[in-house]
């Protein structure tokens, strides 16, 4: 069990925090879709073979997959704002490296550094949990979770416009500028959360997970080039299975693991992560199919003959609708819970893909598909962090959401590989050029529908009762608090003691929470379950105190002042 510091919002956030954090998520998404308009031209632009040019995309995927859970855990340990800024700074450096080169190897290095920005999503969600009151948290997390789709939808037409009318390196300069702006806004607006997980960083766990992920994702992204039944592909899959099993055994024996597998095995977390993979698969299918359908020439008999920019504009409502659904999600989740909202979202996705099978003959029909799917994906994506946050302690928010974001990325990677294979195997060759067919597009939509159906089945196994996706807190002017203990730390003369550390210990002797008293000596600690606890307090210049207390359930906090011994303690 990973020790925790506090299980409630540790400081209040200003009104600009949510849009600034969401902007960071959008910047990350922009980086991911940056090269979509020039993918087919990369071999020529980098003067290399097509198989080598794909490493420009693969490197970003691999580094993002590795960085996401690691940065989440580092944020829990050393500060989420600090790690958010570091992630964005590495992305800016990577964008500048790519902007200054047309050679393959430096470009891969730059794109690898850009992948580290993927950690911004779980870090932003963790900051929101630590700082926002209950009434703002649901919609804020929904917006942060959906930002990956929002940024992708907005970036596609913008990147296409830049690629058509400027040197392609301008794409990287633009990404670097957005990253620098996001860093500046974060420094100005977002406070650091004092919530910390105790313990040390699990370096062997990080190396093991990184190796396992690279061995797993590499054949997924390169399988079409190497051959899905080749010795290299099958060998890497087998190696990844061995490494991840050994990593799991090691993590179960570590006191403060990178990923708490016992927490991950809880039904609420496990089935949320599995459903996330299916949502990721369905999300990426539309991003792969619609732009190709829109840009194919009308001479094919089914292509819609639109320019790259127009195609981007027609797909952009996918991301915009995801953003609009954030407040809708908050209302639905408050009334029915995130599980029901996730199911509603996936039903809408299924309807969108089902209707899309017959809506591929006009540009306006693509717009309808994008809007419907955007609404469904927005609701589904918004539900995922709420389900995770409601099932893990505050000290594991960053790592748990990092793992959930990784599951979505695995879904998109699998989707890219499978749909790419389907479109390639169903394509017609015209003058030596493979042209996707309508049959391939429809099969792709059917695959997305099947993925959503599996996701729906997994969602049904989620526990019915979910904790509210907010951390326990005291509200100003209110006598009510979520169950726990609260009071003041005082010295022998009744004078409040500031900066005293108060630790909550359960009946098994394990730390269940900790906090630091405020300037007026006040403290608040939530309890994970009712029962007997020990509250230990210590402060510089005072002897330590251990006080037994019990919480018998209910929503009202137990009032308990802690009086430290008066005698001074010398070092």
Protein backbone atom coordinates (compact mmCIF):
# COMPACT_ATOMS: atom_id res chain seq x y z
CA UNK A 1 0.00 0.00 0.00
CA UNK A 2 1.38 3.38 -0.94
CA UNK A 3 1.31 5.85 1.93
CA UNK A 4 -0.81 8.89 1.40
CA UNK A 5 -0.53 12.44 2.55
CA UNK A 6 -4.05 13.73 2.39
CA UNK A 7 -7.30 12.66 0.85
CA UNK A 8 -8.94 16.01 0.38
CA UNK A 9 -8.38 19.17 -1.65
CA UNK A 10 -5.32 20.77 -0.15
CA UNK A 11 -5.81 24.30 -1.43
CA UNK A 12 -8.41 26.20 -3.36
CA UNK A 13 -7.88 27.01 -7.01
CA UNK A 14 -8.71 30.19 -8.84
CA UNK A 15 -11.15 30.31 -11.72
CA UNK A 16 -8.40 30.29 -14.36
CA UNK A 17 -6.80 27.03 -13.23
CA UNK A 18 -9.18 24.73 -15.13
CA UNK A 19 -8.86 26.44 -18.54
CA UNK A 20 -5.07 26.67 -18.14
CA UNK A 21 -4.76 22.96 -17.35
CA UNK A 22 -7.17 22.09 -20.17
CA UNK A 23 -5.07 24.24 -22.51
CA UNK A 24 -2.04 22.16 -21.55
CA UNK A 25 -3.97 19.03 -22.55
CA UNK A 26 -4.93 20.61 -25.87
CA UNK A 27 -1.26 21.49 -26.52
CA UNK A 28 -0.34 17.84 -25.97
CA UNK A 29 -3.00 16.76 -28.48
CA UNK A 30 -1.77 19.31 -31.01
CA UNK A 31 1.69 17.78 -30.75
CA UNK A 32 0.26 14.32 -31.44
CA UNK A 33 -1.62 15.29 -34.62
CA UNK A 34 1.03 17.71 -35.83
CA UNK A 35 2.34 15.58 -38.68
CA UNK A 36 -0.93 14.05 -39.90
CA UNK A 37 -1.16 16.41 -42.94
CA UNK A 38 2.39 15.53 -44.07
CA UNK A 39 2.56 11.81 -43.17
CA UNK A 40 2.58 10.67 -46.78
CA UNK A 41 5.35 13.16 -47.64
CA UNK A 42 7.69 12.28 -44.76
CA UNK A 43 9.93 9.90 -46.75
CA UNK A 44 10.62 12.65 -49.29
CA UNK A 45 10.94 15.41 -46.68
CA UNK A 46 13.43 13.40 -44.62
CA UNK A 47 15.15 11.78 -47.63
CA UNK A 48 14.63 8.27 -46.30
CA UNK A 49 12.71 5.07 -46.96
CA UNK A 50 9.01 4.92 -45.98
CA UNK A 51 9.73 2.20 -43.40
CA UNK A 52 12.28 4.48 -41.71
CA UNK A 53 9.99 7.52 -41.84
CA UNK A 54 7.38 5.73 -39.74
CA UNK A 55 9.78 5.93 -36.79
CA UNK A 56 8.98 9.64 -36.61
CA UNK A 57 5.49 8.66 -35.46
CA UNK A 58 6.40 5.46 -33.62
CA UNK A 59 9.00 7.20 -31.43
CA UNK A 60 6.42 9.67 -30.09
CA UNK A 61 3.97 6.90 -29.32
CA UNK A 62 6.56 4.83 -27.44
CA UNK A 63 7.95 7.71 -25.37
CA UNK A 64 4.44 8.91 -24.54
CA UNK A 65 3.43 5.43 -23.37
CA UNK A 66 6.51 5.18 -21.16
CA UNK A 67 6.30 8.73 -19.79
CA UNK A 68 2.61 8.74 -18.88
CA UNK A 69 2.60 6.42 -15.83
CA UNK A 70 6.11 7.47 -14.79
CA UNK A 71 5.36 11.21 -14.79
CA UNK A 72 2.11 10.52 -12.94
CA UNK A 73 3.99 8.75 -10.16
CA UNK A 74 6.70 11.42 -10.03
CA UNK A 75 3.94 14.01 -9.72
CA UNK A 76 2.44 12.15 -6.76
CA UNK A 77 5.86 12.07 -5.08
CA UNK A 78 7.43 15.43 -5.92
CA UNK A 79 4.67 17.75 -7.08
CA UNK A 80 2.22 17.52 -9.97
CA UNK A 81 2.68 21.12 -11.12
CA UNK A 82 6.44 20.66 -11.16
CA UNK A 83 6.20 17.53 -13.29
CA UNK A 84 3.60 19.15 -15.57
CA UNK A 85 5.99 22.01 -16.30
CA UNK A 86 8.84 19.55 -16.83
CA UNK A 87 6.74 17.52 -19.30
CA UNK A 88 5.87 20.62 -21.30
CA UNK A 89 9.46 21.87 -21.20
CA UNK A 90 10.78 18.59 -22.61
CA UNK A 91 8.13 18.84 -25.33
CA UNK A 92 9.25 22.37 -26.24
CA UNK A 93 12.87 21.24 -26.49
CA UNK A 94 11.81 18.32 -28.68
CA UNK A 95 9.75 20.59 -30.96
CA UNK A 96 12.71 22.93 -31.42
CA UNK A 97 15.03 20.01 -32.20
CA UNK A 98 12.60 18.83 -34.90
CA UNK A 99 12.12 22.37 -36.22
CA UNK A 100 15.84 22.76 -36.86
CA UNK A 101 16.45 19.55 -38.82
CA UNK A 102 15.46 17.67 -41.94
CA UNK A 103 17.52 14.59 -41.08
CA UNK A 104 15.89 11.40 -39.87
CA UNK A 105 17.83 10.71 -36.66
CA UNK A 106 17.56 14.20 -35.09
CA UNK A 107 13.90 14.26 -36.10
CA UNK A 108 13.29 10.97 -34.25
CA UNK A 109 15.11 12.37 -31.20
CA UNK A 110 12.94 15.49 -31.26
CA UNK A 111 9.74 13.52 -31.68
CA UNK A 112 10.74 11.19 -28.84
CA UNK A 113 11.14 14.19 -26.53
CA UNK A 114 7.76 15.52 -27.65
CA UNK A 115 6.11 12.31 -26.51
CA UNK A 116 6.93 13.12 -22.88
CA UNK A 117 4.16 15.71 -22.94
CA UNK A 118 1.58 12.92 -22.70
CA UNK A 119 2.07 12.99 -18.93
CA UNK A 120 0.30 16.35 -18.80
CA UNK A 121 -3.17 14.77 -18.90
CA UNK A 122 -2.99 12.67 -15.70
CA UNK A 123 -0.97 15.38 -13.94
CA UNK A 124 -3.65 17.96 -14.76
CA UNK A 125 -6.40 15.65 -13.48
CA UNK A 126 -4.41 15.08 -10.30
CA UNK A 127 -4.00 18.81 -9.72
CA UNK A 128 -7.73 19.29 -10.19
CA UNK A 129 -8.53 16.64 -7.61
CA UNK A 130 -6.16 18.25 -5.12
CA UNK A 131 -7.48 21.78 -5.53
CA UNK A 132 -11.06 21.90 -6.77
CA UNK A 133 -14.23 21.73 -4.68
CA UNK A 134 -16.71 18.94 -5.37
CA UNK A 135 -19.11 21.06 -7.39
CA UNK A 136 -16.40 22.01 -9.92
CA UNK A 137 -14.41 18.80 -10.09
CA UNK A 138 -16.67 16.70 -12.33
CA UNK A 139 -16.87 19.12 -15.26
CA UNK A 140 -13.20 20.10 -14.85
CA UNK A 141 -11.95 16.53 -15.09
CA UNK A 142 -14.30 15.95 -18.02
CA UNK A 143 -12.79 18.90 -19.88
CA UNK A 144 -9.23 17.77 -19.08
CA UNK A 145 -9.91 14.22 -20.17
CA UNK A 146 -11.56 15.38 -23.41
CA UNK A 147 -8.79 17.86 -24.22
CA UNK A 148 -6.88 15.17 -26.11
CA UNK A 149 -9.75 14.97 -28.62
CA UNK A 150 -10.36 18.71 -28.61
CA UNK A 151 -6.75 19.48 -29.45
CA UNK A 152 -6.63 16.79 -32.10
CA UNK A 153 -9.78 18.05 -33.78
CA UNK A 154 -8.68 21.67 -33.80
CA UNK A 155 -5.09 20.92 -34.80
CA UNK A 156 -5.92 18.92 -37.90
CA UNK A 157 -7.27 21.78 -40.07
CA UNK A 158 -4.75 24.24 -38.60
CA UNK A 159 -1.82 21.93 -39.34
CA UNK A 160 -3.19 21.26 -42.83
CA UNK A 161 -3.40 25.00 -43.50
CA UNK A 162 0.19 25.53 -42.33
CA UNK A 163 1.46 22.55 -44.32
CA UNK A 164 -0.18 23.87 -47.51
CA UNK A 165 1.04 27.46 -47.26
CA UNK A 166 4.31 27.37 -45.29
CA UNK A 167 7.43 25.33 -44.74
CA UNK A 168 6.54 22.18 -42.80
CA UNK A 169 9.04 23.06 -40.06
CA UNK A 170 6.65 25.85 -39.06
CA UNK A 171 4.49 23.13 -37.51
CA UNK A 172 7.18 22.47 -34.91
CA UNK A 173 7.82 26.14 -34.24
CA UNK A 174 4.10 26.55 -33.63
CA UNK A 175 4.06 23.58 -31.23
CA UNK A 176 7.05 24.99 -29.35
CA UNK A 177 5.30 28.35 -29.04
CA UNK A 178 2.12 26.76 -27.71
CA UNK A 179 4.17 24.73 -25.23
CA UNK A 180 6.04 27.81 -24.00
CA UNK A 181 2.73 29.68 -23.60
CA UNK A 182 1.29 26.76 -21.63
CA UNK A 183 4.33 26.74 -19.32
CA UNK A 184 4.03 30.49 -18.72
CA UNK A 185 0.30 30.25 -17.94
CA UNK A 186 0.90 27.32 -15.59
CA UNK A 187 3.59 29.22 -13.71
CA UNK A 188 1.35 32.27 -13.39
CA UNK A 189 -1.98 30.64 -12.58
CA UNK A 190 -1.63 27.08 -11.28
CA UNK A 191 -0.44 26.65 -7.67
CA UNK A 192 1.52 23.61 -6.62
CA UNK A 193 -0.42 21.02 -4.69
CA UNK A 194 1.19 20.23 -1.33
CA UNK A 195 -0.34 16.72 -1.45
CA UNK A 196 2.42 14.13 -1.65
CA UNK A 197 2.71 10.39 -1.61
CA UNK A 198 5.39 9.23 0.77
CA UNK A 199 8.12 6.85 -0.26
CA UNK A 200 10.71 6.81 -3.02
CA UNK A 201 10.53 6.49 -6.78
CA UNK A 202 10.51 2.88 -7.94
CA UNK A 203 13.28 3.04 -10.55
CA UNK A 204 13.44 -0.72 -11.23
CA UNK A 205 9.66 -0.70 -11.68
CA UNK A 206 9.89 2.21 -14.11
CA UNK A 207 12.59 0.45 -16.15
CA UNK A 208 10.64 -2.81 -16.17
CA UNK A 209 7.39 -1.17 -17.25
CA UNK A 210 9.19 0.87 -19.91
CA UNK A 211 10.83 -2.24 -21.35
CA UNK A 212 7.55 -4.16 -21.34
CA UNK A 213 5.62 -1.35 -23.02
CA UNK A 214 8.23 -0.81 -25.72
CA UNK A 215 8.39 -4.54 -26.45
CA UNK A 216 4.57 -4.63 -26.69
CA UNK A 217 3.87 -1.45 -28.64
CA UNK A 218 6.78 -1.74 -31.05
CA UNK A 219 5.42 -4.79 -32.93
CA UNK A 220 1.93 -3.26 -32.87
CA UNK A 221 3.13 -0.14 -34.66
CA UNK A 222 5.62 -1.89 -36.96
CA UNK A 223 3.83 -5.19 -37.50
CA UNK A 224 2.50 -4.20 -40.91
CA UNK A 225 6.06 -3.46 -42.08
CA UNK A 226 7.70 -6.52 -40.50
CA UNK A 227 4.83 -8.93 -41.08
CA UNK A 228 2.43 -9.99 -38.34
CA UNK A 229 3.67 -13.57 -38.35
CA UNK A 230 7.37 -12.72 -38.68
CA UNK A 231 9.83 -13.94 -36.08
CA UNK A 232 10.61 -10.37 -35.02
CA UNK A 233 6.98 -9.47 -34.38
CA UNK A 234 6.09 -12.68 -32.53
CA UNK A 235 9.37 -12.63 -30.62
CA UNK A 236 8.79 -9.11 -29.35
CA UNK A 237 5.24 -9.95 -28.26
CA UNK A 238 6.54 -12.98 -26.36
CA UNK A 239 9.34 -10.94 -24.78
CA UNK A 240 6.85 -8.27 -23.69
CA UNK A 241 4.67 -10.90 -22.00
CA UNK A 242 7.65 -12.29 -20.08
CA UNK A 243 8.93 -8.85 -19.04
CA UNK A 244 5.51 -7.59 -17.92
CA UNK A 245 4.83 -10.75 -15.88
CA UNK A 246 8.20 -10.44 -14.14
CA UNK A 247 7.56 -6.72 -13.63
CA UNK A 248 4.19 -7.48 -12.04
CA UNK A 249 5.72 -10.00 -9.64
CA UNK A 250 8.36 -7.46 -8.66
CA UNK A 251 5.81 -4.66 -8.16
CA UNK A 252 3.78 -6.82 -5.78
CA UNK A 253 6.84 -7.14 -3.55
CA UNK A 254 7.82 -3.45 -3.48
CA UNK A 255 6.66 -1.29 -0.57
CA UNK A 256 6.06 1.79 -2.76
CA UNK A 257 5.58 0.49 -6.32
CA UNK A 258 5.37 2.57 -9.47
CA UNK A 259 1.92 1.07 -10.07
CA UNK A 260 -0.02 -0.36 -7.15
CA UNK A 261 -1.26 -3.53 -8.81
CA UNK A 262 -3.50 -4.38 -5.86
CA UNK A 263 -5.33 -1.11 -6.38
CA UNK A 264 -5.35 -1.68 -10.14
CA UNK A 265 -6.98 -5.07 -9.59
CA UNK A 266 -10.00 -3.53 -7.88
CA UNK A 267 -13.05 -4.04 -10.11
CA UNK A 268 -13.72 -0.30 -10.38
CA UNK A 269 -10.17 0.32 -11.64
CA UNK A 270 -9.68 -2.86 -13.66
CA UNK A 271 -12.89 -2.67 -15.68
CA UNK A 272 -12.48 1.10 -16.18
CA UNK A 273 -9.02 0.54 -17.68
CA UNK A 274 -10.23 -2.30 -19.90
CA UNK A 275 -13.16 -0.19 -21.10
CA UNK A 276 -10.69 2.66 -21.76
CA UNK A 277 -8.85 0.48 -24.27
CA UNK A 278 -12.11 -0.09 -26.17
CA UNK A 279 -12.98 3.61 -26.13
CA UNK A 280 -9.48 4.38 -27.45
CA UNK A 281 -9.98 1.91 -30.29
CA UNK A 282 -13.31 3.47 -31.28
CA UNK A 283 -12.00 7.03 -31.03
CA UNK A 284 -9.13 6.48 -33.45
CA UNK A 285 -11.16 4.72 -36.14
CA UNK A 286 -13.05 7.87 -37.11
CA UNK A 287 -9.79 9.83 -37.14
CA UNK A 288 -8.33 7.35 -39.63
CA UNK A 289 -11.36 6.82 -41.89
CA UNK A 290 -13.13 10.16 -42.35
CA UNK A 291 -10.12 12.25 -43.51
CA UNK A 292 -9.24 9.61 -46.13
CA UNK A 293 -12.82 9.31 -47.35
CA UNK A 294 -13.18 13.07 -47.63
CA UNK A 295 -9.92 13.53 -49.57
CA UNK A 296 -10.28 10.66 -52.03
CA UNK A 297 -11.08 11.98 -55.55
CA UNK A 298 -14.64 11.68 -56.78
CA UNK A 299 -13.33 9.65 -59.72
CA UNK A 300 -13.19 6.63 -57.40
CA UNK A 301 -16.98 6.67 -57.32
CA UNK A 302 -17.17 7.07 -53.53
CA UNK A 303 -14.48 9.63 -52.64
CA UNK A 304 -15.77 13.06 -51.64
CA UNK A 305 -13.03 15.12 -53.34
CA UNK A 306 -12.34 17.61 -50.55
CA UNK A 307 -9.07 19.43 -49.91
CA UNK A 308 -6.89 18.66 -46.91
CA UNK A 309 -8.01 21.82 -45.12
CA UNK A 310 -11.72 21.27 -45.80
CA UNK A 311 -11.43 17.66 -44.66
CA UNK A 312 -9.83 18.88 -41.44
CA UNK A 313 -12.60 21.41 -40.89
CA UNK A 314 -15.28 18.75 -41.41
CA UNK A 315 -13.64 16.45 -38.85
CA UNK A 316 -12.91 19.28 -36.37
CA UNK A 317 -16.45 19.16 -34.82
CA UNK A 318 -15.43 15.78 -33.36
CA UNK A 319 -13.16 17.59 -30.90
CA UNK A 320 -15.39 20.63 -30.46
CA UNK A 321 -18.35 18.43 -29.52
CA UNK A 322 -16.18 16.59 -27.00
CA UNK A 323 -15.44 19.94 -25.35
CA UNK A 324 -19.11 20.95 -25.29
CA UNK A 325 -20.12 17.69 -23.62
CA UNK A 326 -18.03 18.44 -20.48
CA UNK A 327 -20.80 20.41 -18.70
CA UNK A 328 -23.41 17.94 -19.98
CA UNK A 329 -21.37 15.13 -18.48
CA UNK A 330 -21.19 16.94 -15.13
CA UNK A 331 -24.99 17.11 -14.91
CA UNK A 332 -25.52 13.52 -16.01
CA UNK A 333 -22.83 12.19 -13.69
CA UNK A 334 -24.14 14.15 -10.73
CA UNK A 335 -27.56 12.59 -11.23
CA UNK A 336 -26.74 9.08 -12.41
CA UNK A 337 -23.05 8.53 -11.66
CA UNK A 338 -20.04 8.12 -13.97
CA UNK A 339 -20.79 4.45 -14.70
CA UNK A 340 -24.15 5.27 -16.27
CA UNK A 341 -22.62 8.21 -18.11
CA UNK A 342 -19.91 5.95 -19.54
CA UNK A 343 -22.56 3.51 -20.76
CA UNK A 344 -24.60 6.35 -22.32
CA UNK A 345 -21.47 7.63 -24.07
CA UNK A 346 -20.63 4.23 -25.54
CA UNK A 347 -24.22 3.72 -26.70
CA UNK A 348 -24.01 7.04 -28.56
CA UNK A 349 -20.69 5.94 -30.12
CA UNK A 350 -22.31 2.70 -31.28
CA UNK A 351 -25.21 4.65 -32.79
CA UNK A 352 -22.77 6.99 -34.54
CA UNK A 353 -20.78 4.20 -36.15
CA UNK A 354 -23.91 2.22 -36.99
CA UNK A 355 -25.45 5.23 -38.72
CA UNK A 356 -22.11 5.99 -40.34
CA UNK A 357 -22.28 2.77 -42.33
CA UNK A 358 -24.94 4.43 -44.45
CA UNK A 359 -23.74 8.03 -44.21
CA UNK A 360 -20.65 8.11 -46.41
CA UNK A 361 -21.94 9.61 -49.64
CA UNK A 362 -21.72 13.35 -48.91
CA UNK A 363 -19.45 15.76 -47.03
CA UNK A 364 -22.27 16.96 -44.77
CA UNK A 365 -22.86 13.37 -43.67
CA UNK A 366 -19.27 13.20 -42.43
CA UNK A 367 -20.02 16.27 -40.34
CA UNK A 368 -23.03 14.52 -38.78
CA UNK A 369 -20.93 11.45 -37.97
CA UNK A 370 -18.24 13.64 -36.37
CA UNK A 371 -20.74 15.45 -34.16
CA UNK A 372 -22.53 12.29 -32.98
CA UNK A 373 -19.28 10.46 -32.30
CA UNK A 374 -17.82 13.53 -30.59
CA UNK A 375 -20.75 13.60 -28.17
CA UNK A 376 -20.40 9.90 -27.36
CA UNK A 377 -16.62 9.89 -27.07
CA UNK A 378 -16.76 13.08 -24.99
CA UNK A 379 -19.12 11.49 -22.46
CA UNK A 380 -17.08 8.28 -22.36
CA UNK A 381 -13.72 10.04 -22.00
CA UNK A 382 -15.15 12.34 -19.32
CA UNK A 383 -16.37 9.39 -17.26
CA UNK A 384 -13.04 7.57 -17.14
CA UNK A 385 -11.07 9.86 -14.78
CA UNK A 386 -14.09 10.19 -12.48
CA UNK A 387 -14.27 6.40 -12.17
CA UNK A 388 -10.54 6.19 -11.47
CA UNK A 389 -10.47 9.08 -8.99
CA UNK A 390 -13.44 7.59 -7.17
CA UNK A 391 -11.61 4.30 -6.68
CA UNK A 392 -8.08 5.29 -5.61
CA UNK A 393 -6.62 7.35 -2.75
CA UNK A 394 -5.46 10.89 -3.47
CA UNK A 395 -1.79 9.92 -3.23
CA UNK A 396 -2.21 7.62 -6.25
CA UNK A 397 -4.28 9.95 -8.45
CA UNK A 398 -1.43 10.86 -10.79
CA UNK A 399 -0.14 7.33 -11.24
CA UNK A 400 -3.64 5.81 -11.56
CA UNK A 401 -4.77 8.34 -14.17
CA UNK A 402 -1.43 7.95 -15.91
CA UNK A 403 -2.11 4.24 -16.24
CA UNK A 404 -5.64 4.95 -17.48
CA UNK A 405 -4.31 7.39 -20.08
CA UNK A 406 -1.84 4.69 -21.11
CA UNK A 407 -4.75 2.26 -21.61
CA UNK A 408 -6.40 4.72 -23.97
CA UNK A 409 -3.12 5.10 -25.86
CA UNK A 410 -2.83 1.34 -26.18
CA UNK A 411 -6.36 1.36 -27.60
CA UNK A 412 -5.47 3.95 -30.22
CA UNK A 413 -2.27 2.06 -31.09
CA UNK A 414 -4.15 -1.19 -31.57
CA UNK A 415 -6.77 0.66 -33.59
CA UNK A 416 -4.14 2.22 -35.82
CA UNK A 417 -2.52 -1.15 -36.50
CA UNK A 418 -5.76 -3.07 -37.10
CA UNK A 419 -7.49 -0.42 -39.22
CA UNK A 420 -4.30 0.20 -41.18
CA UNK A 421 -4.10 -3.51 -41.94
CA UNK A 422 -7.79 -3.65 -42.93
CA UNK A 423 -7.54 -0.66 -45.25
CA UNK A 424 -4.33 -1.99 -46.81
CA UNK A 425 -5.75 -5.49 -47.40
CA UNK A 426 -8.98 -4.16 -48.94
CA UNK A 427 -7.34 -1.44 -51.06
CA UNK A 428 -7.32 -1.34 -54.87
CA UNK A 429 -4.03 -0.68 -56.65
CA UNK A 430 -4.31 2.07 -59.27
CA UNK A 431 -1.14 2.97 -61.20
CA UNK A 432 0.95 1.51 -58.42
CA UNK A 433 -0.89 3.45 -55.69
CA UNK A 434 -3.03 1.68 -53.06
CA UNK A 435 -6.46 3.33 -52.88
CA UNK A 436 -8.71 2.53 -49.88
CA UNK A 437 -12.11 1.13 -50.75
CA UNK A 438 -15.58 1.77 -49.38
CA UNK A 439 -15.62 -1.85 -48.24
CA UNK A 440 -12.52 -1.19 -46.12
CA UNK A 441 -14.11 1.92 -44.59
CA UNK A 442 -17.27 0.03 -43.65
CA UNK A 443 -15.32 -2.88 -42.16
CA UNK A 444 -13.40 -0.32 -40.09
CA UNK A 445 -16.65 1.13 -38.77
CA UNK A 446 -17.87 -2.37 -37.91
CA UNK A 447 -14.65 -3.01 -35.96
CA UNK A 448 -15.23 0.22 -34.02
CA UNK A 449 -18.80 -0.84 -33.28
CA UNK A 450 -17.58 -4.23 -32.03
CA UNK A 451 -15.01 -2.53 -29.79
CA UNK A 452 -17.72 -0.34 -28.27
CA UNK A 453 -19.89 -3.42 -27.69
CA UNK A 454 -17.04 -5.05 -25.75
CA UNK A 455 -16.56 -1.81 -23.83
CA UNK A 456 -20.25 -1.76 -22.91
CA UNK A 457 -20.03 -5.30 -21.61
CA UNK A 458 -17.00 -4.37 -19.49
CA UNK A 459 -18.77 -1.27 -18.16
CA UNK A 460 -21.64 -3.40 -16.90
CA UNK A 461 -19.19 -5.13 -14.53
CA UNK A 462 -18.26 -1.84 -12.86
CA UNK A 463 -19.48 -1.66 -9.24
CA UNK A 464 -22.86 0.02 -8.98
CA UNK A 465 -21.95 2.36 -6.17
CA UNK A 466 -19.05 4.67 -6.97
CA UNK A 467 -17.56 7.16 -4.58
CA UNK A 468 -18.16 10.70 -5.76
CA UNK A 469 -15.25 11.79 -7.96
CA UNK A 470 -14.15 14.40 -5.50
CA UNK A 471 -11.84 14.43 -2.60
CA UNK A 472 -13.33 14.99 0.86
CA UNK A 473 -13.19 18.60 1.96
CA UNK A 474 -14.48 21.21 4.34
CA UNK A 475 -16.58 23.93 2.78
CA UNK A 476 -16.32 27.44 4.08
CA UNK A 477 -19.20 28.43 6.31
CA UNK A 478 -20.38 24.84 6.66
CA UNK A 479 -20.26 22.51 9.64
CA UNK A 480 -20.41 19.45 7.43
CA UNK A 481 -17.41 17.49 6.22
CA UNK A 482 -17.01 14.10 4.72
CA UNK A 483 -16.27 11.41 7.27
CA UNK A 484 -12.97 11.83 9.03
CA UNK A 485 -11.33 13.84 11.79
CA UNK A 486 -10.81 17.54 12.16
CA UNK A 487 -9.72 19.92 14.85
CA UNK A 488 -6.68 21.92 15.90
CA UNK A 489 -3.16 21.13 17.02
CA UNK A 490 -2.42 23.04 20.25
CA UNK A 491 0.49 23.32 22.65
CA UNK A 492 0.20 22.84 26.42
CA UNK A 493 -1.01 26.43 26.83
CA UNK A 494 -3.72 26.08 24.18
CA UNK A 495 -1.82 28.09 21.56
CA UNK A 496 -2.31 26.82 17.98
CA UNK A 497 0.69 25.02 16.49
CA UNK A 498 1.28 25.63 12.79
CA UNK A 499 3.07 23.23 10.45
CA UNK A 500 2.57 20.26 12.76
CA UNK A 501 2.48 16.95 10.94
CA UNK A 502 -0.62 14.87 11.73
CA UNK A 503 -0.55 11.22 10.66
CA UNK A 504 -3.54 8.85 10.55
CA UNK A 505 -2.70 5.22 11.38
CA UNK A 506 -5.18 2.37 10.93
CA UNK A 507 -5.67 -0.67 13.16
CA UNK A 508 -3.03 -2.62 11.23
CA UNK A 509 -0.40 0.00 11.90
CA UNK A 510 -0.43 1.31 8.32
CA UNK A 511 -0.49 4.98 7.44
CA UNK A 512 -3.93 5.86 6.11
CA UNK A 513 -3.39 9.59 5.67
CA UNK A 514 -1.35 12.58 6.74
CA UNK A 515 -1.51 16.34 6.59
CA UNK A 516 0.12 19.47 7.99
CA UNK A 517 -1.72 21.88 10.28
CA UNK A 518 -2.54 25.33 8.96
CA UNK A 519 -1.38 28.62 10.45
CA UNK A 520 -4.30 28.56 12.90
CA UNK A 521 -3.42 25.00 13.90
CA UNK A 522 -6.40 23.47 12.10
CA UNK A 523 -6.21 20.12 10.35
CA UNK A 524 -8.60 17.83 8.50
CA UNK A 525 -8.10 14.17 7.67
CA UNK A 526 -10.50 11.88 5.83
CA UNK A 527 -10.79 8.20 6.74
CA UNK A 528 -11.05 5.47 4.09
CA UNK A 529 -13.42 3.36 6.24
CA UNK A 530 -15.04 3.58 9.64
CA UNK A 531 -13.20 2.03 12.58
CA UNK A 532 -10.46 2.65 15.13
CA UNK A 533 -7.47 4.86 14.32
CA UNK A 534 -4.49 6.51 15.96
CA UNK A 535 -3.69 10.15 15.23
CA UNK A 536 -0.01 10.91 15.71
CA UNK A 537 1.13 14.52 15.80
CA UNK A 538 4.57 16.06 16.00
CA UNK A 539 6.04 19.52 15.59
CA UNK A 540 9.39 21.20 16.04
CA UNK A 541 9.94 22.19 19.66
CA UNK A 542 7.29 19.84 21.05
CA UNK A 543 7.11 16.24 22.10
CA UNK A 544 5.16 13.79 19.90
CA UNK A 545 1.56 12.85 20.63
CA UNK A 546 -0.43 9.71 19.80
CA UNK A 547 -4.19 9.80 20.36
CA UNK A 548 -6.65 6.95 19.81
CA UNK A 549 -9.96 7.76 18.11
CA UNK A 550 -12.78 6.00 16.33
CA UNK A 551 -15.04 6.92 13.46
CA UNK A 552 -18.38 5.16 13.28
CA UNK A 553 -19.48 6.22 9.81
CA UNK A 554 -21.76 8.99 8.68
CA UNK A 555 -20.80 12.16 6.88
CA UNK A 556 -19.91 14.37 9.84
CA UNK A 557 -16.28 14.73 10.84
CA UNK A 558 -15.23 13.79 14.37
CA UNK A 559 -13.96 16.84 16.25
CA UNK A 560 -10.63 16.10 17.91
CA UNK A 561 -8.10 18.65 19.15
CA UNK A 562 -4.56 17.38 19.58
CA UNK A 563 -2.59 18.87 22.49
CA UNK A 564 1.16 18.45 22.16
CA UNK A 565 3.32 18.07 25.29
CA UNK A 566 4.60 21.37 26.52
CA UNK A 567 8.18 20.46 27.08
CA UNK A 568 10.52 21.39 24.29
CA UNK A 569 12.37 18.62 22.56
CA UNK A 570 15.97 19.28 21.70
CA UNK A 571 17.47 17.83 18.57
